[in-house]
Amino acid sequence: MKGTRVDGVYSDDPEKNADAVKYDKISFDDAFKKKLKVMDLTAFTICHENNIPIIVFNMNKNKNLENIVLNNKNTGTIIES
């Protein structure tokens, strides 16, 4: 899990670009190819190499962590192989 200030992974920084598009699900390869700044590249690579999915979510939004634990698919962005 990767808690952040935005609701998931976007095509651009949504705090600076109102036209940024949110991804509900994206592969590690696509995130890398699109040069999306998801997290520290070393941590991202370790997750990819070990087939560990990442969920990026807004840590400041009430109930988001609970929704993730309860497997609510509409919370954040899932990054997987």
PDB file of N, CA and C in Angstrom:
ATOM      1  N   MET A   1       0.840  -1.181   0.000  1.00  0.00           N
ATOM      2  CA  MET A   1       0.000   0.000   0.000  1.00  0.00           C
ATOM      3  C   MET A   1       0.883   1.241   0.000  1.00  0.00           C
ATOM      4  N   LYS A   2       0.440   2.236  -0.737  1.00  0.00           N
ATOM      5  CA  LYS A   2       1.144   3.512  -0.820  1.00  0.00           C
ATOM      6  C   LYS A   2       0.130   4.615  -0.552  1.00  0.00           C
ATOM      7  N   GLY A   3       0.204   5.205   0.629  1.00  0.00           N
ATOM      8  CA  GLY A   3      -0.674   6.319   0.964  1.00  0.00           C
ATOM      9  C   GLY A   3      -0.105   7.615   0.433  1.00  0.00           C
ATOM     10  N   THR A   4      -0.960   8.442  -0.120  1.00  0.00           N
ATOM     11  CA  THR A   4      -0.533   9.711  -0.710  1.00  0.00           C
ATOM     12  C   THR A   4      -1.628  10.758  -0.531  1.00  0.00           C
ATOM     13  N   ARG A   5      -1.460  11.919  -1.151  1.00  0.00           N
ATOM     14  CA  ARG A   5      -2.439  13.013  -1.012  1.00  0.00           C
ATOM     15  C   ARG A   5      -3.512  12.993  -2.095  1.00  0.00           C
ATOM     16  N   VAL A   6      -3.358  12.133  -3.094  1.00  0.00           N
ATOM     17  CA  VAL A   6      -4.335  12.066  -4.185  1.00  0.00           C
ATOM     18  C   VAL A   6      -4.967  10.682  -4.220  1.00  0.00           C
ATOM     19  N   ASP A   7      -6.011  10.519  -5.015  1.00  0.00           N
ATOM     20  CA  ASP A   7      -6.839   9.302  -5.004  1.00  0.00           C
ATOM     21  C   ASP A   7      -6.261   8.109  -5.752  1.00  0.00           C
ATOM     22  N   GLY A   8      -5.062   8.204  -6.262  1.00  0.00           N
ATOM     23  CA  GLY A   8      -4.472   7.088  -6.993  1.00  0.00           C
ATOM     24  C   GLY A   8      -3.393   7.566  -7.925  1.00  0.00           C
ATOM     25  N   VAL A   9      -3.147   6.798  -8.979  1.00  0.00           N
ATOM     26  CA  VAL A   9      -2.140   7.129  -9.981  1.00  0.00           C
ATOM     27  C   VAL A   9      -2.819   7.860 -11.130  1.00  0.00           C
ATOM     28  N   TYR A  10      -2.217   8.965 -11.538  1.00  0.00           N
ATOM     29  CA  TYR A  10      -2.759   9.804 -12.604  1.00  0.00           C
ATOM     30  C   TYR A  10      -1.761   9.947 -13.742  1.00  0.00           C
ATOM     31  N   SER A  11      -2.254  10.359 -14.888  1.00  0.00           N
ATOM     32  CA  SER A  11      -1.418  10.583 -16.061  1.00  0.00           C
ATOM     33  C   SER A  11      -0.466  11.763 -15.860  1.00  0.00           C
ATOM     34  N   ASP A  12      -0.808  12.652 -14.940  1.00  0.00           N
ATOM     35  CA  ASP A  12      -0.001  13.825 -14.607  1.00  0.00           C
ATOM     36  C   ASP A  12      -0.353  14.202 -13.170  1.00  0.00           C
ATOM     37  N   ASP A  13       0.323  15.157 -12.612  1.00  0.00           N
ATOM     38  CA  ASP A  13       0.048  15.586 -11.241  1.00  0.00           C
ATOM     39  C   ASP A  13      -1.321  16.260 -11.174  1.00  0.00           C
ATOM     40  N   PRO A  14      -2.317  15.624 -10.540  1.00  0.00           N
ATOM     41  CA  PRO A  14      -3.665  16.199 -10.507  1.00  0.00           C
ATOM     42  C   PRO A  14      -3.762  17.478  -9.669  1.00  0.00           C
ATOM     43  N   GLU A  15      -2.760  17.716  -8.826  1.00  0.00           N
ATOM     44  CA  GLU A  15      -2.752  18.960  -8.047  1.00  0.00           C
ATOM     45  C   GLU A  15      -2.304  20.142  -8.891  1.00  0.00           C
ATOM     46  N   LYS A  16      -1.653  19.857 -10.024  1.00  0.00           N
ATOM     47  CA  LYS A  16      -1.174  20.910 -10.921  1.00  0.00           C
ATOM     48  C   LYS A  16      -1.886  20.922 -12.264  1.00  0.00           C
ATOM     49  N   ASN A  17      -2.480  19.796 -12.645  1.00  0.00           N
ATOM     50  CA  ASN A  17      -3.112  19.668 -13.959  1.00  0.00           C
ATOM     51  C   ASN A  17      -4.522  19.107 -13.797  1.00  0.00           C
ATOM     52  N   ALA A  18      -5.515  19.951 -13.973  1.00  0.00           N
ATOM     53  CA  ALA A  18      -6.917  19.539 -13.822  1.00  0.00           C
ATOM     54  C   ALA A  18      -7.338  18.510 -14.871  1.00  0.00           C
ATOM     55  N   ASP A  19      -6.586  18.384 -15.955  1.00  0.00           N
ATOM     56  CA  ASP A  19      -6.906  17.426 -17.018  1.00  0.00           C
ATOM     57  C   ASP A  19      -6.255  16.059 -16.808  1.00  0.00           C
ATOM     58  N   ALA A  20      -5.553  15.882 -15.710  1.00  0.00           N
ATOM     59  CA  ALA A  20      -4.911  14.594 -15.432  1.00  0.00           C
ATOM     60  C   ALA A  20      -5.972  13.501 -15.314  1.00  0.00           C
ATOM     61  N   VAL A  21      -5.674  12.341 -15.863  1.00  0.00           N
ATOM     62  CA  VAL A  21      -6.612  11.220 -15.895  1.00  0.00           C
ATOM     63  C   VAL A  21      -6.176  10.175 -14.867  1.00  0.00           C
ATOM     64  N   LYS A  22      -7.121   9.710 -14.058  1.00  0.00           N
ATOM     65  CA  LYS A  22      -6.830   8.699 -13.039  1.00  0.00           C
ATOM     66  C   LYS A  22      -6.913   7.302 -13.649  1.00  0.00           C
ATOM     67  N   TYR A  23      -5.964   6.461 -13.276  1.00  0.00           N
ATOM     68  CA  TYR A  23      -5.982   5.057 -13.670  1.00  0.00           C
ATOM     69  C   TYR A  23      -6.569   4.250 -12.514  1.00  0.00           C
ATOM     70  N   ASP A  24      -7.569   3.426 -12.780  1.00  0.00           N
ATOM     71  CA  ASP A  24      -8.101   2.534 -11.751  1.00  0.00           C
ATOM     72  C   ASP A  24      -7.183   1.331 -11.575  1.00  0.00           C
ATOM     73  N   LYS A  25      -6.578   0.904 -12.683  1.00  0.00           N
ATOM     74  CA  LYS A  25      -5.669  -0.235 -12.686  1.00  0.00           C
ATOM     75  C   LYS A  25      -4.635  -0.005 -13.777  1.00  0.00           C
ATOM     76  N   ILE A  26      -3.382  -0.329 -13.492  1.00  0.00           N
ATOM     77  CA  ILE A  26      -2.316  -0.174 -14.482  1.00  0.00           C
ATOM     78  C   ILE A  26      -1.238  -1.209 -14.186  1.00  0.00           C
ATOM     79  N   SER A  27      -0.557  -1.642 -15.214  1.00  0.00           N
ATOM     80  CA  SER A  27       0.526  -2.614 -15.006  1.00  0.00           C
ATOM     81  C   SER A  27       1.806  -1.875 -14.632  1.00  0.00           C
ATOM     82  N   PHE A  28       2.725  -2.603 -14.009  1.00  0.00           N
ATOM     83  CA  PHE A  28       4.025  -2.031 -13.689  1.00  0.00           C
ATOM     84  C   PHE A  28       4.696  -1.513 -14.956  1.00  0.00           C
ATOM     85  N   ASP A  29       4.653  -2.332 -16.019  1.00  0.00           N
ATOM     86  CA  ASP A  29       5.311  -1.956 -17.268  1.00  0.00           C
ATOM     87  C   ASP A  29       4.734  -0.680 -17.857  1.00  0.00           C
ATOM     88  N   ASP A  30       3.398  -0.557 -17.866  1.00  0.00           N
ATOM     89  CA  ASP A  30       2.777   0.652 -18.413  1.00  0.00           C
ATOM     90  C   ASP A  30       3.100   1.884 -17.566  1.00  0.00           C
ATOM     91  N   ALA A  31       3.087   1.724 -16.247  1.00  0.00           N
ATOM     92  CA  ALA A  31       3.424   2.851 -15.359  1.00  0.00           C
ATOM     93  C   ALA A  31       4.848   3.309 -15.614  1.00  0.00           C
ATOM     94  N   PHE A  32       5.752   2.353 -15.810  1.00  0.00           N
ATOM     95  CA  PHE A  32       7.152   2.686 -16.074  1.00  0.00           C
ATOM     96  C   PHE A  32       7.302   3.345 -17.440  1.00  0.00           C
ATOM     97  N   LYS A  33       6.672   2.774 -18.472  1.00  0.00           N
ATOM     98  CA  LYS A  33       6.764   3.313 -19.837  1.00  0.00           C
ATOM     99  C   LYS A  33       6.207   4.729 -19.923  1.00  0.00           C
ATOM    100  N   LYS A  34       5.138   4.998 -19.172  1.00  0.00           N
ATOM    101  CA  LYS A  34       4.517   6.329 -19.191  1.00  0.00           C
ATOM    102  C   LYS A  34       5.222   7.306 -18.253  1.00  0.00           C
ATOM    103  N   LYS A  35       6.282   6.815 -17.578  1.00  0.00           N
ATOM    104  CA  LYS A  35       7.081   7.629 -16.654  1.00  0.00           C
ATOM    105  C   LYS A  35       6.229   8.259 -15.559  1.00  0.00           C
ATOM    106  N   LEU A  36       5.285   7.468 -15.044  1.00  0.00           N
ATOM    107  CA  LEU A  36       4.425   7.951 -13.970  1.00  0.00           C
ATOM    108  C   LEU A  36       5.202   7.923 -12.668  1.00  0.00           C
ATOM    109  N   LYS A  37       5.118   8.979 -11.919  1.00  0.00           N
ATOM    110  CA  LYS A  37       5.856   9.080 -10.664  1.00  0.00           C
ATOM    111  C   LYS A  37       4.998   8.523  -9.538  1.00  0.00           C
ATOM    112  N   VAL A  38       5.032   7.208  -9.418  1.00  0.00           N
ATOM    113  CA  VAL A  38       4.199   6.517  -8.448  1.00  0.00           C
ATOM    114  C   VAL A  38       4.821   6.566  -7.065  1.00  0.00           C
ATOM    115  N   MET A  39       6.100   6.219  -7.000  1.00  0.00           N
ATOM    116  CA  MET A  39       6.813   6.135  -5.729  1.00  0.00           C
ATOM    117  C   MET A  39       8.294   6.034  -6.032  1.00  0.00           C
ATOM    118  N   ASP A  40       9.104   5.912  -5.014  1.00  0.00           N
ATOM    119  CA  ASP A  40      10.538   5.718  -5.154  1.00  0.00           C
ATOM    120  C   ASP A  40      10.802   4.584  -6.145  1.00  0.00           C
ATOM    121  N   LEU A  41      11.669   4.817  -7.123  1.00  0.00           N
ATOM    122  CA  LEU A  41      11.909   3.845  -8.187  1.00  0.00           C
ATOM    123  C   LEU A  41      12.449   2.513  -7.650  1.00  0.00           C
ATOM    124  N   THR A  42      13.272   2.554  -6.621  1.00  0.00           N
ATOM    125  CA  THR A  42      13.802   1.319  -6.052  1.00  0.00           C
ATOM    126  C   THR A  42      12.681   0.473  -5.449  1.00  0.00           C
ATOM    127  N   ALA A  43      11.816   1.095  -4.662  1.00  0.00           N
ATOM    128  CA  ALA A  43      10.689   0.367  -4.059  1.00  0.00           C
ATOM    129  C   ALA A  43       9.752  -0.162  -5.146  1.00  0.00           C
ATOM    130  N   PHE A  44       9.504   0.659  -6.159  1.00  0.00           N
ATOM    131  CA  PHE A  44       8.649   0.255  -7.277  1.00  0.00           C
ATOM    132  C   PHE A  44       9.237  -0.978  -7.977  1.00  0.00           C
ATOM    133  N   THR A  45      10.538  -0.949  -8.228  1.00  0.00           N
ATOM    134  CA  THR A  45      11.213  -2.059  -8.905  1.00  0.00           C
ATOM    135  C   THR A  45      11.186  -3.331  -8.069  1.00  0.00           C
ATOM    136  N   ILE A  46      11.408  -3.204  -6.765  1.00  0.00           N
ATOM    137  CA  ILE A  46      11.366  -4.373  -5.884  1.00  0.00           C
ATOM    138  C   ILE A  46       9.983  -5.023  -5.925  1.00  0.00           C
ATOM    139  N   CYS A  47       8.943  -4.208  -5.872  1.00  0.00           N
ATOM    140  CA  CYS A  47       7.580  -4.749  -5.951  1.00  0.00           C
ATOM    141  C   CYS A  47       7.358  -5.453  -7.283  1.00  0.00           C
ATOM    142  N   HIS A  48       7.793  -4.825  -8.362  1.00  0.00           N
ATOM    143  CA  HIS A  48       7.622  -5.411  -9.691  1.00  0.00           C
ATOM    144  C   HIS A  48       8.363  -6.741  -9.801  1.00  0.00           C
ATOM    145  N   GLU A  49       9.634  -6.763  -9.410  1.00  0.00           N
ATOM    146  CA  GLU A  49      10.444  -7.968  -9.546  1.00  0.00           C
ATOM    147  C   GLU A  49       9.932  -9.125  -8.686  1.00  0.00           C
ATOM    148  N   ASN A  50       9.262  -8.803  -7.591  1.00  0.00           N
ATOM    149  CA  ASN A  50       8.761  -9.834  -6.688  1.00  0.00           C
ATOM    150  C   ASN A  50       7.259 -10.062  -6.824  1.00  0.00           C
ATOM    151  N   ASN A  51       6.677  -9.471  -7.882  1.00  0.00           N
ATOM    152  CA  ASN A  51       5.257  -9.641  -8.184  1.00  0.00           C
ATOM    153  C   ASN A  51       4.362  -9.267  -6.993  1.00  0.00           C
ATOM    154  N   ILE A  52       4.689  -8.134  -6.360  1.00  0.00           N
ATOM    155  CA  ILE A  52       3.913  -7.630  -5.232  1.00  0.00           C
ATOM    156  C   ILE A  52       3.056  -6.470  -5.737  1.00  0.00           C
ATOM    157  N   PRO A  53       1.742  -6.629  -5.787  1.00  0.00           N
ATOM    158  CA  PRO A  53       0.884  -5.533  -6.259  1.00  0.00           C
ATOM    159  C   PRO A  53       0.959  -4.339  -5.298  1.00  0.00           C
ATOM    160  N   ILE A  54       0.705  -3.175  -5.841  1.00  0.00           N
ATOM    161  CA  ILE A  54       0.692  -1.936  -5.065  1.00  0.00           C
ATOM    162  C   ILE A  54      -0.688  -1.309  -5.216  1.00  0.00           C
ATOM    163  N   ILE A  55      -1.234  -0.799  -4.145  1.00  0.00           N
ATOM    164  CA  ILE A  55      -2.436   0.021  -4.247  1.00  0.00           C
ATOM    165  C   ILE A  55      -2.071   1.414  -3.753  1.00  0.00           C
ATOM    166  N   VAL A  56      -2.303   2.400  -4.604  1.00  0.00           N
ATOM    167  CA  VAL A  56      -2.028   3.801  -4.289  1.00  0.00           C
ATOM    168  C   VAL A  56      -3.358   4.452  -3.952  1.00  0.00           C
ATOM    169  N   PHE A  57      -3.423   5.099  -2.784  1.00  0.00           N
ATOM    170  CA  PHE A  57      -4.689   5.659  -2.324  1.00  0.00           C
ATOM    171  C   PHE A  57      -4.459   6.943  -1.540  1.00  0.00           C
ATOM    172  N   ASN A  58      -5.523   7.721  -1.396  1.00  0.00           N
ATOM    173  CA  ASN A  58      -5.476   8.961  -0.623  1.00  0.00           C
ATOM    174  C   ASN A  58      -5.556   8.611   0.860  1.00  0.00           C
ATOM    175  N   MET A  59      -4.464   8.853   1.571  1.00  0.00           N
ATOM    176  CA  MET A  59      -4.422   8.483   2.988  1.00  0.00           C
ATOM    177  C   MET A  59      -5.183   9.473   3.869  1.00  0.00           C
ATOM    178  N   ASN A  60      -5.570  10.612   3.315  1.00  0.00           N
ATOM    179  CA  ASN A  60      -6.270  11.644   4.090  1.00  0.00           C
ATOM    180  C   ASN A  60      -7.791  11.549   3.984  1.00  0.00           C
ATOM    181  N   LYS A  61      -8.284  10.646   3.164  1.00  0.00           N
ATOM    182  CA  LYS A  61      -9.723  10.504   2.958  1.00  0.00           C
ATOM    183  C   LYS A  61     -10.291   9.461   3.923  1.00  0.00           C
ATOM    184  N   ASN A  62     -11.302   9.850   4.678  1.00  0.00           N
ATOM    185  CA  ASN A  62     -11.916   8.944   5.644  1.00  0.00           C
ATOM    186  C   ASN A  62     -12.362   7.642   4.991  1.00  0.00           C
ATOM    187  N   LYS A  63     -12.134   6.552   5.687  1.00  0.00           N
ATOM    188  CA  LYS A  63     -12.570   5.202   5.307  1.00  0.00           C
ATOM    189  C   LYS A  63     -11.768   4.577   4.162  1.00  0.00           C
ATOM    190  N   ASN A  64     -10.800   5.281   3.569  1.00  0.00           N
ATOM    191  CA  ASN A  64     -10.054   4.685   2.460  1.00  0.00           C
ATOM    192  C   ASN A  64      -9.290   3.440   2.880  1.00  0.00           C
ATOM    193  N   LEU A  65      -8.584   3.494   3.990  1.00  0.00           N
ATOM    194  CA  LEU A  65      -7.839   2.325   4.441  1.00  0.00           C
ATOM    195  C   LEU A  65      -8.787   1.172   4.755  1.00  0.00           C
ATOM    196  N   GLU A  66      -9.886   1.484   5.391  1.00  0.00           N
ATOM    197  CA  GLU A  66     -10.896   0.456   5.686  1.00  0.00           C
ATOM    198  C   GLU A  66     -11.429  -0.151   4.390  1.00  0.00           C
ATOM    199  N   ASN A  67     -11.715   0.684   3.394  1.00  0.00           N
ATOM    200  CA  ASN A  67     -12.214   0.188   2.107  1.00  0.00           C
ATOM    201  C   ASN A  67     -11.214  -0.752   1.438  1.00  0.00           C
ATOM    202  N   ILE A  68      -9.936  -0.427   1.539  1.00  0.00           N
ATOM    203  CA  ILE A  68      -8.907  -1.282   0.939  1.00  0.00           C
ATOM    204  C   ILE A  68      -8.864  -2.626   1.647  1.00  0.00           C
ATOM    205  N   VAL A  69      -8.869  -2.604   2.971  1.00  0.00           N
ATOM    206  CA  VAL A  69      -8.834  -3.841   3.745  1.00  0.00           C
ATOM    207  C   VAL A  69     -10.057  -4.706   3.441  1.00  0.00           C
ATOM    208  N   LEU A  70     -11.191  -4.068   3.211  1.00  0.00           N
ATOM    209  CA  LEU A  70     -12.424  -4.792   2.895  1.00  0.00           C
ATOM    210  C   LEU A  70     -12.542  -5.125   1.409  1.00  0.00           C
ATOM    211  N   ASN A  71     -11.463  -4.839   0.647  1.00  0.00           N
ATOM    212  CA  ASN A  71     -11.383  -5.186  -0.775  1.00  0.00           C
ATOM    213  C   ASN A  71     -12.358  -4.412  -1.653  1.00  0.00           C
ATOM    214  N   ASN A  72     -12.579  -3.141  -1.328  1.00  0.00           N
ATOM    215  CA  ASN A  72     -13.407  -2.286  -2.173  1.00  0.00           C
ATOM    216  C   ASN A  72     -12.588  -1.874  -3.394  1.00  0.00           C
ATOM    217  N   LYS A  73     -12.964  -2.355  -4.541  1.00  0.00           N
ATOM    218  CA  LYS A  73     -12.215  -2.138  -5.783  1.00  0.00           C
ATOM    219  C   LYS A  73     -12.221  -0.688  -6.266  1.00  0.00           C
ATOM    220  N   ASN A  74     -13.069   0.164  -5.708  1.00  0.00           N
ATOM    221  CA  ASN A  74     -13.182   1.540  -6.182  1.00  0.00           C
ATOM    222  C   ASN A  74     -12.283   2.516  -5.425  1.00  0.00           C
ATOM    223  N   THR A  75     -11.378   2.006  -4.613  1.00  0.00           N
ATOM    224  CA  THR A  75     -10.503   2.872  -3.843  1.00  0.00           C
ATOM    225  C   THR A  75      -9.092   2.828  -4.410  1.00  0.00           C
ATOM    226  N   GLY A  76      -8.589   3.957  -4.864  1.00  0.00           N
ATOM    227  CA  GLY A  76      -7.223   4.058  -5.330  1.00  0.00           C
ATOM    228  C   GLY A  76      -6.981   3.429  -6.681  1.00  0.00           C
ATOM    229  N   THR A  77      -5.685   3.187  -6.940  1.00  0.00           N
ATOM    230  CA  THR A  77      -5.219   2.564  -8.183  1.00  0.00           C
ATOM    231  C   THR A  77      -4.448   1.313  -7.832  1.00  0.00           C
ATOM    232  N   ILE A  78      -4.725   0.235  -8.544  1.00  0.00           N
ATOM    233  CA  ILE A  78      -3.985  -1.019  -8.366  1.00  0.00           C
ATOM    234  C   ILE A  78      -2.931  -1.112  -9.448  1.00  0.00           C
ATOM    235  N   ILE A  79      -1.700  -1.379  -9.017  1.00  0.00           N
ATOM    236  CA  ILE A  79      -0.586  -1.599  -9.953  1.00  0.00           C
ATOM    237  C   ILE A  79      -0.154  -3.056  -9.778  1.00  0.00           C
ATOM    238  N   GLU A  80      -0.175  -3.788 -10.877  1.00  0.00           N
ATOM    239  CA  GLU A  80       0.221  -5.199 -10.832  1.00  0.00           C
ATOM    240  C   GLU A  80       0.767  -5.634 -12.178  1.00  0.00           C
ATOM    241  N   SER A  81       1.322  -6.835 -12.206  1.00  0.00           N
ATOM    242  CA  SER A  81       1.913  -7.350 -13.458  1.00  0.00           C
ATOM    243  C   SER A  81       0.856  -7.625 -14.494  1.00  0.00           C
TER     244      SER A  81
END
